[in-house]
Amino acid sequence: MAAPVTPGLEAPGLFMASRGSIIACGIRMALVAIGMKFLAGPALMAASSAAVGLRGRVFRVAIVQAALPQGIVPFVFAKEYNIHPDILSTGVIFGMLISMPIALAYYFLLAL
C-alpha cells in the first residue's frame, strides 16, 4: 500500500526537473545562495560558537558541520509555503555537488 501524498506537495526531484534550467533562480542568485551557505554559514557558526564558549576540537567540528550541504527539508518547507523554492532547489543541487570539496577544505584548514 502506497503512503499518502500531501496535496500540493510534489517531490523535490519533480520540481527541479520541471524547470527549464538546472539553475532555476539565475546565476547571480545561485552564487549568492552558495556563498551564503558555504562562507557566511561557517562564519556565523564560528561567531556563535565562540560566543557560547566552545573551544578546541568541538569549535572546529561545529564550523565543518556548518559547511555541510543543506538537507531537502528546507526545500520542502519553501515549496509548501511558496517562499523562494527556485532558490532552494538550486541551492540543494549545487550544495550537493560542491559540498565534499568545500567540507574537505574546511577540514584541512582547521587541522581536524
PDB file of N, CA and C in Angstrom:
ATOM      1  N   MET A   1       0.845  -1.168   0.000  1.00  0.00           N
ATOM      2  CA  MET A   1       0.000   0.000   0.000  1.00  0.00           C
ATOM      3  C   MET A   1       0.893   1.235   0.000  1.00  0.00           C
ATOM      4  N   ALA A   2       0.617   2.168  -0.870  1.00  0.00           N
ATOM      5  CA  ALA A   2       1.439   3.378  -1.005  1.00  0.00           C
ATOM      6  C   ALA A   2       1.124   4.360   0.112  1.00  0.00           C
ATOM      7  N   ALA A   3       2.155   5.108   0.492  1.00  0.00           N
ATOM      8  CA  ALA A   3       1.975   6.129   1.528  1.00  0.00           C
ATOM      9  C   ALA A   3       1.138   7.275   0.968  1.00  0.00           C
ATOM     10  N   PRO A   4       0.326   7.904   1.811  1.00  0.00           N
ATOM     11  CA  PRO A   4      -0.491   9.026   1.331  1.00  0.00           C
ATOM     12  C   PRO A   4       0.408  10.213   0.955  1.00  0.00           C
ATOM     13  N   VAL A   5      -0.001  10.925  -0.059  1.00  0.00           N
ATOM     14  CA  VAL A   5       0.748  12.081  -0.542  1.00  0.00           C
ATOM     15  C   VAL A   5       0.014  13.338  -0.112  1.00  0.00           C
ATOM     16  N   THR A   6       0.754  14.282   0.433  1.00  0.00           N
ATOM     17  CA  THR A   6       0.156  15.548   0.839  1.00  0.00           C
ATOM     18  C   THR A   6      -0.265  16.322  -0.403  1.00  0.00           C
ATOM     19  N   PRO A   7      -1.513  16.787  -0.473  1.00  0.00           N
ATOM     20  CA  PRO A   7      -1.958  17.525  -1.651  1.00  0.00           C
ATOM     21  C   PRO A   7      -1.125  18.789  -1.840  1.00  0.00           C
ATOM     22  N   GLY A   8      -0.705  19.035  -3.076  1.00  0.00           N
ATOM     23  CA  GLY A   8       0.044  20.243  -3.381  1.00  0.00           C
ATOM     24  C   GLY A   8       1.533  20.126  -3.107  1.00  0.00           C
ATOM     25  N   LEU A   9       1.958  19.045  -2.501  1.00  0.00           N
ATOM     26  CA  LEU A   9       3.376  18.883  -2.182  1.00  0.00           C
ATOM     27  C   LEU A   9       3.970  17.848  -3.128  1.00  0.00           C
ATOM     28  N   GLU A  10       4.687  18.328  -4.134  1.00  0.00           N
ATOM     29  CA  GLU A  10       5.284  17.399  -5.080  1.00  0.00           C
ATOM     30  C   GLU A  10       6.701  17.072  -4.645  1.00  0.00           C
ATOM     31  N   ALA A  11       7.223  16.023  -5.209  1.00  0.00           N
ATOM     32  CA  ALA A  11       8.573  15.593  -4.868  1.00  0.00           C
ATOM     33  C   ALA A  11       9.585  16.638  -5.327  1.00  0.00           C
ATOM     34  N   PRO A  12      10.628  16.871  -4.539  1.00  0.00           N
ATOM     35  CA  PRO A  12      11.632  17.872  -4.906  1.00  0.00           C
ATOM     36  C   PRO A  12      12.275  17.580  -6.257  1.00  0.00           C
ATOM     37  N   GLY A  13      12.514  16.322  -6.566  1.00  0.00           N
ATOM     38  CA  GLY A  13      13.101  15.979  -7.852  1.00  0.00           C
ATOM     39  C   GLY A  13      12.206  16.360  -9.014  1.00  0.00           C
ATOM     40  N   LEU A  14      10.899  16.165  -8.856  1.00  0.00           N
ATOM     41  CA  LEU A  14       9.962  16.554  -9.909  1.00  0.00           C
ATOM     42  C   LEU A  14       9.930  18.062 -10.084  1.00  0.00           C
ATOM     43  N   PHE A  15       9.993  18.795  -8.988  1.00  0.00           N
ATOM     44  CA  PHE A  15      10.009  20.255  -9.075  1.00  0.00           C
ATOM     45  C   PHE A  15      11.243  20.724  -9.827  1.00  0.00           C
ATOM     46  N   MET A  16      12.404  20.163  -9.457  1.00  0.00           N
ATOM     47  CA  MET A  16      13.654  20.574 -10.085  1.00  0.00           C
ATOM     48  C   MET A  16      13.690  20.170 -11.559  1.00  0.00           C
ATOM     49  N   ALA A  17      13.142  18.997 -11.877  1.00  0.00           N
ATOM     50  CA  ALA A  17      13.135  18.528 -13.262  1.00  0.00           C
ATOM     51  C   ALA A  17      12.167  19.319 -14.127  1.00  0.00           C
ATOM     52  N   SER A  18      11.143  19.913 -13.521  1.00  0.00           N
ATOM     53  CA  SER A  18      10.162  20.669 -14.297  1.00  0.00           C
ATOM     54  C   SER A  18      10.661  22.043 -14.701  1.00  0.00           C
ATOM     55  N   ARG A  19      11.788  22.470 -14.177  1.00  0.00           N
ATOM     56  CA  ARG A  19      12.356  23.762 -14.519  1.00  0.00           C
ATOM     57  C   ARG A  19      13.110  23.658 -15.839  1.00  0.00           C
ATOM     58  N   GLY A  20      13.169  24.751 -16.569  1.00  0.00           N
ATOM     59  CA  GLY A  20      13.842  24.764 -17.854  1.00  0.00           C
ATOM     60  C   GLY A  20      15.356  24.690 -17.740  1.00  0.00           C
ATOM     61  N   SER A  21      15.889  25.088 -16.599  1.00  0.00           N
ATOM     62  CA  SER A  21      17.336  25.115 -16.409  1.00  0.00           C
ATOM     63  C   SER A  21      17.667  24.533 -15.046  1.00  0.00           C
ATOM     64  N   ILE A  22      18.873  23.996 -14.926  1.00  0.00           N
ATOM     65  CA  ILE A  22      19.295  23.470 -13.625  1.00  0.00           C
ATOM     66  C   ILE A  22      19.479  24.603 -12.618  1.00  0.00           C
ATOM     67  N   ILE A  23      19.768  25.795 -13.137  1.00  0.00           N
ATOM     68  CA  ILE A  23      19.877  26.977 -12.281  1.00  0.00           C
ATOM     69  C   ILE A  23      18.560  27.729 -12.415  1.00  0.00           C
ATOM     70  N   ALA A  24      17.593  27.367 -11.597  1.00  0.00           N
ATOM     71  CA  ALA A  24      16.231  27.881 -11.732  1.00  0.00           C
ATOM     72  C   ALA A  24      16.100  29.333 -11.304  1.00  0.00           C
ATOM     73  N   CYS A  25      17.030  29.835 -10.500  1.00  0.00           N
ATOM     74  CA  CYS A  25      16.886  31.189  -9.971  1.00  0.00           C
ATOM     75  C   CYS A  25      17.837  32.183 -10.610  1.00  0.00           C
ATOM     76  N   GLY A  26      18.663  31.767 -11.546  1.00  0.00           N
ATOM     77  CA  GLY A  26      19.624  32.658 -12.182  1.00  0.00           C
ATOM     78  C   GLY A  26      21.014  32.494 -11.586  1.00  0.00           C
ATOM     79  N   ILE A  27      22.014  32.816 -12.380  1.00  0.00           N
ATOM     80  CA  ILE A  27      23.409  32.631 -11.964  1.00  0.00           C
ATOM     81  C   ILE A  27      23.755  33.489 -10.751  1.00  0.00           C
ATOM     82  N   ARG A  28      23.362  34.751 -10.790  1.00  0.00           N
ATOM     83  CA  ARG A  28      23.721  35.669  -9.700  1.00  0.00           C
ATOM     84  C   ARG A  28      23.135  35.207  -8.364  1.00  0.00           C
ATOM     85  N   MET A  29      21.857  34.855  -8.351  1.00  0.00           N
ATOM     86  CA  MET A  29      21.217  34.414  -7.115  1.00  0.00           C
ATOM     87  C   MET A  29      21.794  33.083  -6.652  1.00  0.00           C
ATOM     88  N   ALA A  30      22.154  32.210  -7.591  1.00  0.00           N
ATOM     89  CA  ALA A  30      22.774  30.935  -7.216  1.00  0.00           C
ATOM     90  C   ALA A  30      24.110  31.166  -6.530  1.00  0.00           C
ATOM     91  N   LEU A  31      24.914  32.094  -7.057  1.00  0.00           N
ATOM     92  CA  LEU A  31      26.204  32.405  -6.434  1.00  0.00           C
ATOM     93  C   LEU A  31      26.027  33.019  -5.046  1.00  0.00           C
ATOM     94  N   VAL A  32      25.021  33.868  -4.897  1.00  0.00           N
ATOM     95  CA  VAL A  32      24.736  34.446  -3.582  1.00  0.00           C
ATOM     96  C   VAL A  32      24.330  33.357  -2.597  1.00  0.00           C
ATOM     97  N   ALA A  33      23.451  32.462  -3.032  1.00  0.00           N
ATOM     98  CA  ALA A  33      22.984  31.383  -2.149  1.00  0.00           C
ATOM     99  C   ALA A  33      24.128  30.460  -1.744  1.00  0.00           C
ATOM    100  N   ILE A  34      24.985  30.096  -2.700  1.00  0.00           N
ATOM    101  CA  ILE A  34      26.115  29.216  -2.396  1.00  0.00           C
ATOM    102  C   ILE A  34      27.116  29.935  -1.496  1.00  0.00           C
ATOM    103  N   GLY A  35      27.364  31.204  -1.773  1.00  0.00           N
ATOM    104  CA  GLY A  35      28.277  31.986  -0.925  1.00  0.00           C
ATOM    105  C   GLY A  35      27.776  32.096   0.506  1.00  0.00           C
ATOM    106  N   MET A  36      26.484  32.320   0.647  1.00  0.00           N
ATOM    107  CA  MET A  36      25.930  32.407   1.998  1.00  0.00           C
ATOM    108  C   MET A  36      26.031  31.073   2.719  1.00  0.00           C
ATOM    109  N   LYS A  37      25.769  29.990   2.002  1.00  0.00           N
ATOM    110  CA  LYS A  37      25.788  28.673   2.636  1.00  0.00           C
ATOM    111  C   LYS A  37      27.189  28.248   3.037  1.00  0.00           C
ATOM    112  N   PHE A  38      28.155  28.439   2.154  1.00  0.00           N
ATOM    113  CA  PHE A  38      29.483  27.887   2.406  1.00  0.00           C
ATOM    114  C   PHE A  38      30.481  28.883   2.976  1.00  0.00           C
ATOM    115  N   LEU A  39      30.174  30.178   2.976  1.00  0.00           N
ATOM    116  CA  LEU A  39      31.068  31.170   3.579  1.00  0.00           C
ATOM    117  C   LEU A  39      30.436  31.830   4.804  1.00  0.00           C
ATOM    118  N   ALA A  40      29.232  32.370   4.609  1.00  0.00           N
ATOM    119  CA  ALA A  40      28.578  33.057   5.723  1.00  0.00           C
ATOM    120  C   ALA A  40      28.112  32.078   6.802  1.00  0.00           C
ATOM    121  N   GLY A  41      27.682  30.879   6.404  1.00  0.00           N
ATOM    122  CA  GLY A  41      27.231  29.876   7.382  1.00  0.00           C
ATOM    123  C   GLY A  41      28.322  29.474   8.361  1.00  0.00           C
ATOM    124  N   PRO A  42      29.486  29.043   7.871  1.00  0.00           N
ATOM    125  CA  PRO A  42      30.568  28.712   8.796  1.00  0.00           C
ATOM    126  C   PRO A  42      31.063  29.913   9.606  1.00  0.00           C
ATOM    127  N   ALA A  43      31.062  31.099   9.005  1.00  0.00           N
ATOM    128  CA  ALA A  43      31.477  32.301   9.750  1.00  0.00           C
ATOM    129  C   ALA A  43      30.505  32.594  10.888  1.00  0.00           C
ATOM    130  N   LEU A  44      29.217  32.469  10.609  1.00  0.00           N
ATOM    131  CA  LEU A  44      28.216  32.683  11.653  1.00  0.00           C
ATOM    132  C   LEU A  44      28.313  31.615  12.733  1.00  0.00           C
ATOM    133  N   MET A  45      28.579  30.381  12.328  1.00  0.00           N
ATOM    134  CA  MET A  45      28.761  29.301  13.298  1.00  0.00           C
ATOM    135  C   MET A  45      29.980  29.561  14.169  1.00  0.00           C
ATOM    136  N   ALA A  46      31.067  30.045  13.572  1.00  0.00           N
ATOM    137  CA  ALA A  46      32.271  30.344  14.342  1.00  0.00           C
ATOM    138  C   ALA A  46      31.998  31.442  15.364  1.00  0.00           C
ATOM    139  N   ALA A  47      31.295  32.483  14.951  1.00  0.00           N
ATOM    140  CA  ALA A  47      30.990  33.582  15.868  1.00  0.00           C
ATOM    141  C   ALA A  47      30.071  33.129  16.998  1.00  0.00           C
ATOM    142  N   SER A  48      29.027  32.392  16.668  1.00  0.00           N
ATOM    143  CA  SER A  48      28.099  31.959  17.719  1.00  0.00           C
ATOM    144  C   SER A  48      28.729  30.905  18.623  1.00  0.00           C
ATOM    145  N   SER A  49      29.576  30.035  18.072  1.00  0.00           N
ATOM    146  CA  SER A  49      30.253  29.036  18.903  1.00  0.00           C
ATOM    147  C   SER A  49      31.239  29.697  19.857  1.00  0.00           C
ATOM    148  N   ALA A  50      31.935  30.701  19.377  1.00  0.00           N
ATOM    149  CA  ALA A  50      32.856  31.430  20.246  1.00  0.00           C
ATOM    150  C   ALA A  50      32.088  32.186  21.334  1.00  0.00           C
ATOM    151  N   ALA A  51      30.908  32.693  20.976  1.00  0.00           N
ATOM    152  CA  ALA A  51      30.109  33.445  21.953  1.00  0.00           C
ATOM    153  C   ALA A  51      29.615  32.560  23.095  1.00  0.00           C
ATOM    154  N   VAL A  52      29.326  31.297  22.803  1.00  0.00           N
ATOM    155  CA  VAL A  52      28.852  30.409  23.868  1.00  0.00           C
ATOM    156  C   VAL A  52      29.990  29.659  24.550  1.00  0.00           C
ATOM    157  N   GLY A  53      31.220  29.883  24.092  1.00  0.00           N
ATOM    158  CA  GLY A  53      32.369  29.337  24.801  1.00  0.00           C
ATOM    159  C   GLY A  53      32.940  28.034  24.274  1.00  0.00           C
ATOM    160  N   LEU A  54      32.573  27.633  23.070  1.00  0.00           N
ATOM    161  CA  LEU A  54      33.172  26.422  22.512  1.00  0.00           C
ATOM    162  C   LEU A  54      34.629  26.688  22.168  1.00  0.00           C
ATOM    163  N   ARG A  55      35.465  25.745  22.431  1.00  0.00           N
ATOM    164  CA  ARG A  55      36.892  25.870  22.145  1.00  0.00           C
ATOM    165  C   ARG A  55      37.429  24.545  21.621  1.00  0.00           C
ATOM    166  N   GLY A  56      38.585  24.593  21.004  1.00  0.00           N
ATOM    167  CA  GLY A  56      39.283  23.389  20.591  1.00  0.00           C
ATOM    168  C   GLY A  56      38.605  22.637  19.472  1.00  0.00           C
ATOM    169  N   ARG A  57      38.660  21.318  19.578  1.00  0.00           N
ATOM    170  CA  ARG A  57      38.155  20.439  18.525  1.00  0.00           C
ATOM    171  C   ARG A  57      36.651  20.602  18.316  1.00  0.00           C
ATOM    172  N   VAL A  58      35.889  20.771  19.379  1.00  0.00           N
ATOM    173  CA  VAL A  58      34.431  20.925  19.242  1.00  0.00           C
ATOM    174  C   VAL A  58      34.108  22.186  18.441  1.00  0.00           C
ATOM    175  N   PHE A  59      34.853  23.251  18.669  1.00  0.00           N
ATOM    176  CA  PHE A  59      34.683  24.502  17.926  1.00  0.00           C
ATOM    177  C   PHE A  59      34.932  24.272  16.433  1.00  0.00           C
ATOM    178  N   ARG A  60      36.003  23.579  16.106  1.00  0.00           N
ATOM    179  CA  ARG A  60      36.348  23.332  14.707  1.00  0.00           C
ATOM    180  C   ARG A  60      35.358  22.388  14.039  1.00  0.00           C
ATOM    181  N   VAL A  61      34.886  21.383  14.762  1.00  0.00           N
ATOM    182  CA  VAL A  61      33.880  20.457  14.211  1.00  0.00           C
ATOM    183  C   VAL A  61      32.577  21.196  13.917  1.00  0.00           C
ATOM    184  N   ALA A  62      32.190  22.125  14.767  1.00  0.00           N
ATOM    185  CA  ALA A  62      30.970  22.904  14.539  1.00  0.00           C
ATOM    186  C   ALA A  62      31.077  23.708  13.245  1.00  0.00           C
ATOM    187  N   ILE A  63      32.254  24.249  12.967  1.00  0.00           N
ATOM    188  CA  ILE A  63      32.445  25.015  11.733  1.00  0.00           C
ATOM    189  C   ILE A  63      32.358  24.100  10.515  1.00  0.00           C
ATOM    190  N   VAL A  64      32.964  22.926  10.590  1.00  0.00           N
ATOM    191  CA  VAL A  64      32.888  21.984   9.465  1.00  0.00           C
ATOM    192  C   VAL A  64      31.446  21.538   9.248  1.00  0.00           C
ATOM    193  N   GLN A  65      30.698  21.302  10.318  1.00  0.00           N
ATOM    194  CA  GLN A  65      29.301  20.903  10.171  1.00  0.00           C
ATOM    195  C   GLN A  65      28.471  21.996   9.514  1.00  0.00           C
ATOM    196  N   ALA A  66      28.806  23.247   9.765  1.00  0.00           N
ATOM    197  CA  ALA A  66      28.083  24.344   9.126  1.00  0.00           C
ATOM    198  C   ALA A  66      28.352  24.392   7.627  1.00  0.00           C
ATOM    199  N   ALA A  67      29.455  23.804   7.185  1.00  0.00           N
ATOM    200  CA  ALA A  67      29.792  23.792   5.756  1.00  0.00           C
ATOM    201  C   ALA A  67      29.196  22.597   5.025  1.00  0.00           C
ATOM    202  N   LEU A  68      28.540  21.708   5.719  1.00  0.00           N
ATOM    203  CA  LEU A  68      27.920  20.551   5.068  1.00  0.00           C
ATOM    204  C   LEU A  68      26.673  20.998   4.306  1.00  0.00           C
ATOM    205  N   PRO A  69      26.250  20.230   3.304  1.00  0.00           N
ATOM    206  CA  PRO A  69      25.113  20.671   2.483  1.00  0.00           C
ATOM    207  C   PRO A  69      23.804  20.645   3.262  1.00  0.00           C
ATOM    208  N   GLN A  70      22.895  21.493   2.814  1.00  0.00           N
ATOM    209  CA  GLN A  70      21.584  21.521   3.450  1.00  0.00           C
ATOM    210  C   GLN A  70      20.794  20.303   3.031  1.00  0.00           C
ATOM    211  N   GLY A  71      19.878  19.930   3.872  1.00  0.00           N
ATOM    212  CA  GLY A  71      19.034  18.788   3.562  1.00  0.00           C
ATOM    213  C   GLY A  71      17.905  19.191   2.644  1.00  0.00           C
ATOM    214  N   ILE A  72      17.043  18.267   2.386  1.00  0.00           N
ATOM    215  CA  ILE A  72      15.931  18.502   1.484  1.00  0.00           C
ATOM    216  C   ILE A  72      14.743  19.132   2.222  1.00  0.00           C
ATOM    217  N   VAL A  73      14.729  19.037   3.554  1.00  0.00           N
ATOM    218  CA  VAL A  73      13.598  19.546   4.334  1.00  0.00           C
ATOM    219  C   VAL A  73      13.390  21.053   4.161  1.00  0.00           C
ATOM    220  N   PRO A  74      14.444  21.888   4.155  1.00  0.00           N
ATOM    221  CA  PRO A  74      14.191  23.314   3.896  1.00  0.00           C
ATOM    222  C   PRO A  74      13.519  23.558   2.545  1.00  0.00           C
ATOM    223  N   PHE A  75      13.877  22.764   1.539  1.00  0.00           N
ATOM    224  CA  PHE A  75      13.217  22.903   0.239  1.00  0.00           C
ATOM    225  C   PHE A  75      11.742  22.531   0.333  1.00  0.00           C
ATOM    226  N   VAL A  76      11.436  21.472   1.061  1.00  0.00           N
ATOM    227  CA  VAL A  76      10.044  21.044   1.194  1.00  0.00           C
ATOM    228  C   VAL A  76       9.212  22.150   1.836  1.00  0.00           C
ATOM    229  N   PHE A  77       9.747  22.789   2.875  1.00  0.00           N
ATOM    230  CA  PHE A  77       9.016  23.893   3.504  1.00  0.00           C
ATOM    231  C   PHE A  77       8.899  25.093   2.562  1.00  0.00           C
ATOM    232  N   ALA A  78       9.966  25.390   1.820  1.00  0.00           N
ATOM    233  CA  ALA A  78       9.908  26.507   0.871  1.00  0.00           C
ATOM    234  C   ALA A  78       8.853  26.262  -0.199  1.00  0.00           C
ATOM    235  N   LYS A  79       8.773  25.024  -0.679  1.00  0.00           N
ATOM    236  CA  LYS A  79       7.778  24.684  -1.695  1.00  0.00           C
ATOM    237  C   LYS A  79       6.369  24.714  -1.110  1.00  0.00           C
ATOM    238  N   GLU A  80       6.221  24.186   0.077  1.00  0.00           N
ATOM    239  CA  GLU A  80       4.893  24.132   0.711  1.00  0.00           C
ATOM    240  C   GLU A  80       4.335  25.537   0.946  1.00  0.00           C
ATOM    241  N   TYR A  81       5.178  26.451   1.400  1.00  0.00           N
ATOM    242  CA  TYR A  81       4.724  27.803   1.715  1.00  0.00           C
ATOM    243  C   TYR A  81       5.042  28.801   0.609  1.00  0.00           C
ATOM    244  N   ASN A  82       5.557  28.307  -0.525  1.00  0.00           N
ATOM    245  CA  ASN A  82       5.860  29.115  -1.703  1.00  0.00           C
ATOM    246  C   ASN A  82       6.773  30.299  -1.372  1.00  0.00           C
ATOM    247  N   ILE A  83       7.857  30.005  -0.676  1.00  0.00           N
ATOM    248  CA  ILE A  83       8.831  31.033  -0.307  1.00  0.00           C
ATOM    249  C   ILE A  83      10.152  30.682  -0.989  1.00  0.00           C
ATOM    250  N   HIS A  84      10.356  31.193  -2.179  1.00  0.00           N
ATOM    251  CA  HIS A  84      11.579  31.029  -2.971  1.00  0.00           C
ATOM    252  C   HIS A  84      12.000  29.573  -3.176  1.00  0.00           C
ATOM    253  N   PRO A  85      11.113  28.711  -3.649  1.00  0.00           N
ATOM    254  CA  PRO A  85      11.539  27.326  -3.885  1.00  0.00           C
ATOM    255  C   PRO A  85      12.585  27.214  -4.995  1.00  0.00           C
ATOM    256  N   ASP A  86      12.606  28.170  -5.945  1.00  0.00           N
ATOM    257  CA  ASP A  86      13.611  28.119  -7.007  1.00  0.00           C
ATOM    258  C   ASP A  86      15.019  28.261  -6.437  1.00  0.00           C
ATOM    259  N   ILE A  87      15.173  29.192  -5.513  1.00  0.00           N
ATOM    260  CA  ILE A  87      16.487  29.411  -4.906  1.00  0.00           C
ATOM    261  C   ILE A  87      16.904  28.191  -4.099  1.00  0.00           C
ATOM    262  N   LEU A  88      15.979  27.631  -3.337  1.00  0.00           N
ATOM    263  CA  LEU A  88      16.310  26.458  -2.530  1.00  0.00           C
ATOM    264  C   LEU A  88      16.614  25.245  -3.389  1.00  0.00           C
ATOM    265  N   SER A  89      15.892  25.058  -4.491  1.00  0.00           N
ATOM    266  CA  SER A  89      16.176  23.902  -5.339  1.00  0.00           C
ATOM    267  C   SER A  89      17.560  24.028  -5.964  1.00  0.00           C
ATOM    268  N   THR A  90      17.929  25.228  -6.384  1.00  0.00           N
ATOM    269  CA  THR A  90      19.274  25.442  -6.921  1.00  0.00           C
ATOM    270  C   THR A  90      20.319  25.231  -5.837  1.00  0.00           C
ATOM    271  N   GLY A  91      20.029  25.708  -4.629  1.00  0.00           N
ATOM    272  CA  GLY A  91      20.960  25.510  -3.515  1.00  0.00           C
ATOM    273  C   GLY A  91      21.152  24.047  -3.168  1.00  0.00           C
ATOM    274  N   VAL A  92      20.090  23.268  -3.235  1.00  0.00           N
ATOM    275  CA  VAL A  92      20.198  21.842  -2.935  1.00  0.00           C
ATOM    276  C   VAL A  92      21.056  21.147  -3.984  1.00  0.00           C
ATOM    277  N   ILE A  93      20.804  21.449  -5.255  1.00  0.00           N
ATOM    278  CA  ILE A  93      21.556  20.799  -6.332  1.00  0.00           C
ATOM    279  C   ILE A  93      23.042  21.134  -6.237  1.00  0.00           C
ATOM    280  N   PHE A  94      23.361  22.424  -6.192  1.00  0.00           N
ATOM    281  CA  PHE A  94      24.768  22.803  -6.172  1.00  0.00           C
ATOM    282  C   PHE A  94      25.418  22.533  -4.829  1.00  0.00           C
ATOM    283  N   GLY A  95      24.645  22.582  -3.766  1.00  0.00           N
ATOM    284  CA  GLY A  95      25.190  22.248  -2.453  1.00  0.00           C
ATOM    285  C   GLY A  95      25.668  20.808  -2.395  1.00  0.00           C
ATOM    286  N   MET A  96      24.888  19.913  -2.981  1.00  0.00           N
ATOM    287  CA  MET A  96      25.295  18.511  -3.011  1.00  0.00           C
ATOM    288  C   MET A  96      26.516  18.301  -3.900  1.00  0.00           C
ATOM    289  N   LEU A  97      26.590  19.035  -4.998  1.00  0.00           N
ATOM    290  CA  LEU A  97      27.692  18.862  -5.934  1.00  0.00           C
ATOM    291  C   LEU A  97      29.036  19.354  -5.388  1.00  0.00           C
ATOM    292  N   ILE A  98      29.011  20.488  -4.692  1.00  0.00           N
ATOM    293  CA  ILE A  98      30.286  21.081  -4.268  1.00  0.00           C
ATOM    294  C   ILE A  98      30.565  20.941  -2.783  1.00  0.00           C
ATOM    295  N   SER A  99      29.712  20.254  -2.062  1.00  0.00           N
ATOM    296  CA  SER A  99      29.900  20.178  -0.607  1.00  0.00           C
ATOM    297  C   SER A  99      31.122  19.372  -0.194  1.00  0.00           C
ATOM    298  N   MET A 100      31.421  18.307  -0.902  1.00  0.00           N
ATOM    299  CA  MET A 100      32.555  17.469  -0.495  1.00  0.00           C
ATOM    300  C   MET A 100      33.886  18.207  -0.578  1.00  0.00           C
ATOM    301  N   PRO A 101      34.216  18.866  -1.701  1.00  0.00           N
ATOM    302  CA  PRO A 101      35.485  19.595  -1.715  1.00  0.00           C
ATOM    303  C   PRO A 101      35.540  20.727  -0.698  1.00  0.00           C
ATOM    304  N   ILE A 102      34.426  21.400  -0.497  1.00  0.00           N
ATOM    305  CA  ILE A 102      34.419  22.508   0.461  1.00  0.00           C
ATOM    306  C   ILE A 102      34.546  21.985   1.882  1.00  0.00           C
ATOM    307  N   ALA A 103      33.824  20.928   2.216  1.00  0.00           N
ATOM    308  CA  ALA A 103      33.938  20.358   3.560  1.00  0.00           C
ATOM    309  C   ALA A 103      35.350  19.838   3.812  1.00  0.00           C
ATOM    310  N   LEU A 104      35.954  19.215   2.814  1.00  0.00           N
ATOM    311  CA  LEU A 104      37.336  18.756   2.964  1.00  0.00           C
ATOM    312  C   LEU A 104      38.300  19.934   3.130  1.00  0.00           C
ATOM    313  N   ALA A 105      38.043  21.015   2.410  1.00  0.00           N
ATOM    314  CA  ALA A 105      38.896  22.210   2.556  1.00  0.00           C
ATOM    315  C   ALA A 105      38.812  22.752   3.976  1.00  0.00           C
ATOM    316  N   TYR A 106      37.600  22.870   4.515  1.00  0.00           N
ATOM    317  CA  TYR A 106      37.459  23.325   5.898  1.00  0.00           C
ATOM    318  C   TYR A 106      38.129  22.336   6.873  1.00  0.00           C
ATOM    319  N   TYR A 107      37.974  21.053   6.587  1.00  0.00           N
ATOM    320  CA  TYR A 107      38.561  20.026   7.444  1.00  0.00           C
ATOM    321  C   TYR A 107      40.081  20.183   7.520  1.00  0.00           C
ATOM    322  N   PHE A 108      40.722  20.387   6.372  1.00  0.00           N
ATOM    323  CA  PHE A 108      42.176  20.519   6.356  1.00  0.00           C
ATOM    324  C   PHE A 108      42.621  21.887   6.870  1.00  0.00           C
ATOM    325  N   LEU A 109      41.872  22.943   6.565  1.00  0.00           N
ATOM    326  CA  LEU A 109      42.223  24.274   7.068  1.00  0.00           C
ATOM    327  C   LEU A 109      42.165  24.345   8.588  1.00  0.00           C
ATOM    328  N   LEU A 110      41.204  23.632   9.165  1.00  0.00           N
ATOM    329  CA  LEU A 110      41.037  23.658  10.619  1.00  0.00           C
ATOM    330  C   LEU A 110      41.848  22.560  11.314  1.00  0.00           C
ATOM    331  N   ALA A 111      42.607  21.812  10.540  1.00  0.00           N
ATOM    332  CA  ALA A 111      43.510  20.773  11.057  1.00  0.00           C
ATOM    333  C   ALA A 111      42.800  19.762  11.945  1.00  0.00           C
ATOM    334  N   LEU A 112      41.713  19.228  11.437  1.00  0.00           N
ATOM    335  CA  LEU A 112      40.993  18.188  12.181  1.00  0.00           C
ATOM    336  C   LEU A 112      41.605  16.899  11.822  1.00  0.00           C
TER     337      LEU A 112
END
